[in-house]
Amino acid sequence: MTHPGLLARVEAKPEHAAQVQELLENALDLARAEAQTVTWYSFKLGPTTFGVFDTFDDEAGRQAHLAGPIAAALMDIAPTLLAGAPDIQQVDVLAAKLP
């Protein structure tokens, strides 16, 4: 069975990389409050490149997340702190190893 997910890539302006990292670290509390978000990860790929990967039980959960506070926060900071709009892709998780 596949599960809906999201993979987002975020490129910070060099002078704002620390602020973007802090926002993504602090977003964990928001993700924990989302009942329909099953897993949520934020990560750093390079000095100014960050990402978020999350999964949901169903499409309704994915859409709720896209309309939620984390996505809104990313869109709010985009003009000021990001080098461009976040690249958000919908994915389907085919298999996963979980604890």
N, C-alpha and C. Protein backbone atom coordinates (compact mmCIF):
# COMPACT_ATOMS: atom_id res chain seq x y z
N MET A 1 0.83 -1.18 0.00
CA MET A 1 0.00 0.00 0.00
C MET A 1 0.88 1.25 0.00
N THR A 2 0.58 2.19 -0.86
CA THR A 2 1.35 3.43 -0.89
C THR A 2 0.76 4.46 0.08
N HIS A 3 1.60 5.36 0.49
CA HIS A 3 1.19 6.45 1.37
C HIS A 3 1.58 7.76 0.72
N PRO A 4 0.69 8.75 0.76
CA PRO A 4 1.03 10.05 0.20
C PRO A 4 2.12 10.73 1.03
N GLY A 5 2.95 11.48 0.34
CA GLY A 5 4.00 12.23 1.01
C GLY A 5 4.27 13.53 0.30
N LEU A 6 5.14 14.31 0.89
CA LEU A 6 5.60 15.56 0.30
C LEU A 6 7.11 15.63 0.45
N LEU A 7 7.77 16.12 -0.58
CA LEU A 7 9.20 16.38 -0.53
C LEU A 7 9.40 17.82 -0.96
N ALA A 8 9.91 18.63 -0.06
CA ALA A 8 10.11 20.05 -0.34
C ALA A 8 11.59 20.39 -0.25
N ARG A 9 12.05 21.17 -1.21
CA ARG A 9 13.42 21.67 -1.20
C ARG A 9 13.35 23.18 -1.06
N VAL A 10 14.15 23.72 -0.15
CA VAL A 10 14.12 25.13 0.17
C VAL A 10 15.55 25.67 0.06
N GLU A 11 15.72 26.72 -0.71
CA GLU A 11 17.04 27.35 -0.87
C GLU A 11 17.01 28.72 -0.20
N ALA A 12 17.80 28.86 0.87
CA ALA A 12 17.86 30.12 1.61
C ALA A 12 18.83 31.08 0.94
N LYS A 13 18.55 32.37 1.08
CA LYS A 13 19.55 33.36 0.72
C LYS A 13 20.70 33.17 1.71
N PRO A 14 21.95 33.26 1.26
CA PRO A 14 23.08 32.96 2.16
C PRO A 14 23.04 33.71 3.49
N GLU A 15 22.65 34.96 3.47
CA GLU A 15 22.63 35.75 4.70
C GLU A 15 21.49 35.38 5.63
N HIS A 16 20.56 34.52 5.16
CA HIS A 16 19.41 34.13 5.98
C HIS A 16 19.35 32.62 6.27
N ALA A 17 20.42 31.92 5.97
CA ALA A 17 20.42 30.46 6.15
C ALA A 17 20.15 30.07 7.60
N ALA A 18 20.73 30.77 8.54
CA ALA A 18 20.53 30.42 9.96
C ALA A 18 19.07 30.61 10.37
N GLN A 19 18.42 31.64 9.86
CA GLN A 19 17.01 31.88 10.18
C GLN A 19 16.12 30.79 9.59
N VAL A 20 16.42 30.37 8.36
CA VAL A 20 15.63 29.30 7.73
C VAL A 20 15.82 28.01 8.49
N GLN A 21 17.05 27.71 8.87
CA GLN A 21 17.30 26.50 9.65
C GLN A 21 16.53 26.54 10.96
N GLU A 22 16.54 27.66 11.64
CA GLU A 22 15.81 27.79 12.90
C GLU A 22 14.31 27.59 12.70
N LEU A 23 13.76 28.16 11.64
CA LEU A 23 12.33 27.99 11.35
C LEU A 23 12.01 26.52 11.15
N LEU A 24 12.85 25.80 10.40
CA LEU A 24 12.59 24.38 10.14
C LEU A 24 12.76 23.53 11.40
N GLU A 25 13.68 23.89 12.24
CA GLU A 25 13.84 23.17 13.51
C GLU A 25 12.63 23.40 14.41
N ASN A 26 12.17 24.63 14.48
CA ASN A 26 11.03 24.97 15.34
C ASN A 26 9.70 24.47 14.79
N ALA A 27 9.64 24.16 13.50
CA ALA A 27 8.39 23.67 12.90
C ALA A 27 8.03 22.27 13.39
N LEU A 28 8.94 21.59 14.05
CA LEU A 28 8.64 20.26 14.57
C LEU A 28 7.43 20.27 15.49
N ASP A 29 7.32 21.27 16.33
CA ASP A 29 6.17 21.35 17.23
C ASP A 29 4.87 21.50 16.46
N LEU A 30 4.89 22.25 15.37
CA LEU A 30 3.70 22.38 14.53
C LEU A 30 3.35 21.05 13.88
N ALA A 31 4.37 20.33 13.40
CA ALA A 31 4.12 19.02 12.78
C ALA A 31 3.55 18.03 13.78
N ARG A 32 4.04 18.06 15.00
CA ARG A 32 3.52 17.17 16.05
C ARG A 32 2.05 17.43 16.33
N ALA A 33 1.62 18.67 16.15
CA ALA A 33 0.23 19.04 16.42
C ALA A 33 -0.72 18.63 15.29
N GLU A 34 -0.18 18.24 14.15
CA GLU A 34 -1.01 17.84 13.01
C GLU A 34 -1.35 16.35 13.13
N ALA A 35 -2.57 16.04 13.48
CA ALA A 35 -2.97 14.65 13.70
C ALA A 35 -2.83 13.80 12.44
N GLN A 36 -2.95 14.39 11.27
CA GLN A 36 -2.91 13.62 10.03
C GLN A 36 -1.51 13.48 9.45
N THR A 37 -0.52 14.13 10.06
CA THR A 37 0.86 13.99 9.60
C THR A 37 1.48 12.81 10.34
N VAL A 38 1.84 11.76 9.60
CA VAL A 38 2.38 10.54 10.21
C VAL A 38 3.86 10.70 10.54
N THR A 39 4.65 11.12 9.56
CA THR A 39 6.08 11.37 9.79
C THR A 39 6.42 12.74 9.24
N TRP A 40 7.42 13.38 9.84
CA TRP A 40 7.84 14.71 9.39
C TRP A 40 9.33 14.86 9.69
N TYR A 41 10.08 15.20 8.68
CA TYR A 41 11.52 15.40 8.81
C TYR A 41 11.91 16.73 8.17
N SER A 42 12.78 17.48 8.80
CA SER A 42 13.43 18.59 8.13
C SER A 42 14.92 18.26 8.12
N PHE A 43 15.61 18.70 7.08
CA PHE A 43 17.01 18.34 6.94
C PHE A 43 17.77 19.42 6.20
N LYS A 44 19.09 19.33 6.29
CA LYS A 44 19.98 20.28 5.64
C LYS A 44 20.82 19.53 4.62
N LEU A 45 20.83 20.02 3.39
CA LEU A 45 21.59 19.40 2.31
C LEU A 45 22.92 20.11 2.06
N GLY A 46 23.01 21.34 2.44
CA GLY A 46 24.21 22.14 2.23
C GLY A 46 24.10 23.43 3.01
N PRO A 47 25.04 24.34 2.84
CA PRO A 47 25.05 25.57 3.63
C PRO A 47 23.76 26.39 3.53
N THR A 48 23.11 26.38 2.37
CA THR A 48 21.90 27.17 2.19
C THR A 48 20.72 26.34 1.68
N THR A 49 20.89 25.04 1.58
CA THR A 49 19.86 24.18 1.01
C THR A 49 19.26 23.28 2.09
N PHE A 50 17.94 23.34 2.21
CA PHE A 50 17.22 22.60 3.23
C PHE A 50 16.08 21.82 2.58
N GLY A 51 15.52 20.91 3.34
CA GLY A 51 14.39 20.16 2.82
C GLY A 51 13.46 19.70 3.93
N VAL A 52 12.28 19.29 3.50
CA VAL A 52 11.29 18.71 4.39
C VAL A 52 10.70 17.50 3.68
N PHE A 53 10.54 16.41 4.43
CA PHE A 53 9.88 15.21 3.91
C PHE A 53 8.86 14.79 4.94
N ASP A 54 7.64 14.56 4.49
CA ASP A 54 6.60 14.12 5.40
C ASP A 54 5.66 13.13 4.72
N THR A 55 4.96 12.35 5.55
CA THR A 55 4.03 11.35 5.02
C THR A 55 2.70 11.44 5.76
N PHE A 56 1.70 10.86 5.10
CA PHE A 56 0.32 10.94 5.58
C PHE A 56 -0.37 9.62 5.31
N ASP A 57 -1.43 9.33 6.05
CA ASP A 57 -2.19 8.11 5.80
C ASP A 57 -3.03 8.19 4.53
N ASP A 58 -3.43 9.40 4.16
CA ASP A 58 -4.30 9.54 2.99
C ASP A 58 -4.14 10.92 2.37
N GLU A 59 -4.80 11.10 1.24
CA GLU A 59 -4.71 12.36 0.51
C GLU A 59 -5.27 13.53 1.32
N ALA A 60 -6.30 13.28 2.11
CA ALA A 60 -6.87 14.34 2.94
C ALA A 60 -5.83 14.88 3.92
N GLY A 61 -5.01 14.00 4.47
CA GLY A 61 -3.95 14.43 5.37
C GLY A 61 -2.91 15.28 4.67
N ARG A 62 -2.55 14.87 3.46
CA ARG A 62 -1.58 15.64 2.69
C ARG A 62 -2.12 17.04 2.38
N GLN A 63 -3.37 17.10 1.96
CA GLN A 63 -3.96 18.40 1.63
C GLN A 63 -4.12 19.28 2.86
N ALA A 64 -4.45 18.68 4.00
CA ALA A 64 -4.56 19.45 5.24
C ALA A 64 -3.20 20.05 5.60
N HIS A 65 -2.14 19.28 5.42
CA HIS A 65 -0.80 19.77 5.72
C HIS A 65 -0.43 20.92 4.79
N LEU A 66 -0.74 20.77 3.51
CA LEU A 66 -0.43 21.83 2.54
C LEU A 66 -1.17 23.13 2.87
N ALA A 67 -2.29 23.02 3.53
CA ALA A 67 -3.07 24.20 3.91
C ALA A 67 -2.77 24.65 5.35
N GLY A 68 -1.81 23.99 5.98
CA GLY A 68 -1.53 24.23 7.39
C GLY A 68 -0.47 25.28 7.66
N PRO A 69 -0.09 25.41 8.94
CA PRO A 69 0.80 26.48 9.37
C PRO A 69 2.25 26.36 8.89
N ILE A 70 2.75 25.15 8.67
CA ILE A 70 4.13 25.02 8.21
C ILE A 70 4.25 25.53 6.78
N ALA A 71 3.35 25.10 5.91
CA ALA A 71 3.37 25.58 4.52
C ALA A 71 3.16 27.08 4.48
N ALA A 72 2.27 27.60 5.31
CA ALA A 72 2.03 29.04 5.35
C ALA A 72 3.28 29.79 5.79
N ALA A 73 4.00 29.26 6.77
CA ALA A 73 5.23 29.90 7.23
C ALA A 73 6.28 29.94 6.13
N LEU A 74 6.42 28.84 5.39
CA LEU A 74 7.38 28.82 4.29
C LEU A 74 7.02 29.85 3.22
N MET A 75 5.77 29.95 2.90
CA MET A 75 5.35 30.92 1.89
C MET A 75 5.52 32.35 2.40
N ASP A 76 5.33 32.56 3.68
CA ASP A 76 5.49 33.90 4.26
C ASP A 76 6.95 34.37 4.19
N ILE A 77 7.88 33.46 4.44
CA ILE A 77 9.30 33.86 4.46
C ILE A 77 9.92 33.85 3.07
N ALA A 78 9.28 33.23 2.12
CA ALA A 78 9.87 33.06 0.79
C ALA A 78 10.39 34.36 0.18
N PRO A 79 9.62 35.43 0.15
CA PRO A 79 10.13 36.64 -0.51
C PRO A 79 11.36 37.25 0.17
N THR A 80 11.46 37.08 1.48
CA THR A 80 12.53 37.73 2.23
C THR A 80 13.75 36.84 2.46
N LEU A 81 13.50 35.60 2.89
CA LEU A 81 14.60 34.73 3.33
C LEU A 81 15.05 33.69 2.31
N LEU A 82 14.22 33.41 1.32
CA LEU A 82 14.55 32.34 0.37
C LEU A 82 15.03 32.90 -0.96
N ALA A 83 15.86 32.13 -1.63
CA ALA A 83 16.37 32.51 -2.95
C ALA A 83 15.30 32.34 -4.03
N GLY A 84 14.26 31.59 -3.73
CA GLY A 84 13.16 31.36 -4.66
C GLY A 84 12.04 30.64 -3.92
N ALA A 85 10.98 30.39 -4.62
CA ALA A 85 9.85 29.69 -4.01
C ALA A 85 10.26 28.27 -3.63
N PRO A 86 9.73 27.72 -2.53
CA PRO A 86 10.01 26.33 -2.19
C PRO A 86 9.56 25.40 -3.33
N ASP A 87 10.35 24.38 -3.59
CA ASP A 87 10.01 23.37 -4.59
C ASP A 87 9.33 22.23 -3.84
N ILE A 88 8.00 22.17 -3.92
CA ILE A 88 7.23 21.17 -3.17
C ILE A 88 6.66 20.16 -4.15
N GLN A 89 7.03 18.90 -3.96
CA GLN A 89 6.58 17.83 -4.83
C GLN A 89 5.77 16.81 -4.06
N GLN A 90 4.68 16.38 -4.66
CA GLN A 90 3.89 15.31 -4.07
C GLN A 90 4.51 13.99 -4.48
N VAL A 91 4.71 13.10 -3.51
CA VAL A 91 5.30 11.79 -3.77
C VAL A 91 4.39 10.72 -3.19
N ASP A 92 4.59 9.50 -3.65
CA ASP A 92 3.91 8.34 -3.08
C ASP A 92 4.98 7.42 -2.54
N VAL A 93 4.93 7.14 -1.24
CA VAL A 93 5.89 6.25 -0.59
C VAL A 93 5.49 4.82 -0.93
N LEU A 94 6.40 4.09 -1.56
CA LEU A 94 6.13 2.71 -1.97
C LEU A 94 6.49 1.71 -0.88
N ALA A 95 7.55 1.99 -0.13
CA ALA A 95 7.97 1.07 0.93
C ALA A 95 8.77 1.88 1.95
N ALA A 96 8.75 1.43 3.19
CA ALA A 96 9.46 2.14 4.25
C ALA A 96 9.87 1.15 5.34
N LYS A 97 11.03 1.38 5.92
CA LYS A 97 11.46 0.65 7.11
C LYS A 97 11.21 1.56 8.29
N LEU A 98 10.38 1.13 9.19
CA LEU A 98 10.03 1.92 10.36
C LEU A 98 10.50 1.21 11.62
N PRO A 99 10.70 1.97 12.71
CA PRO A 99 11.14 1.32 13.96
C PRO A 99 10.07 0.40 14.52
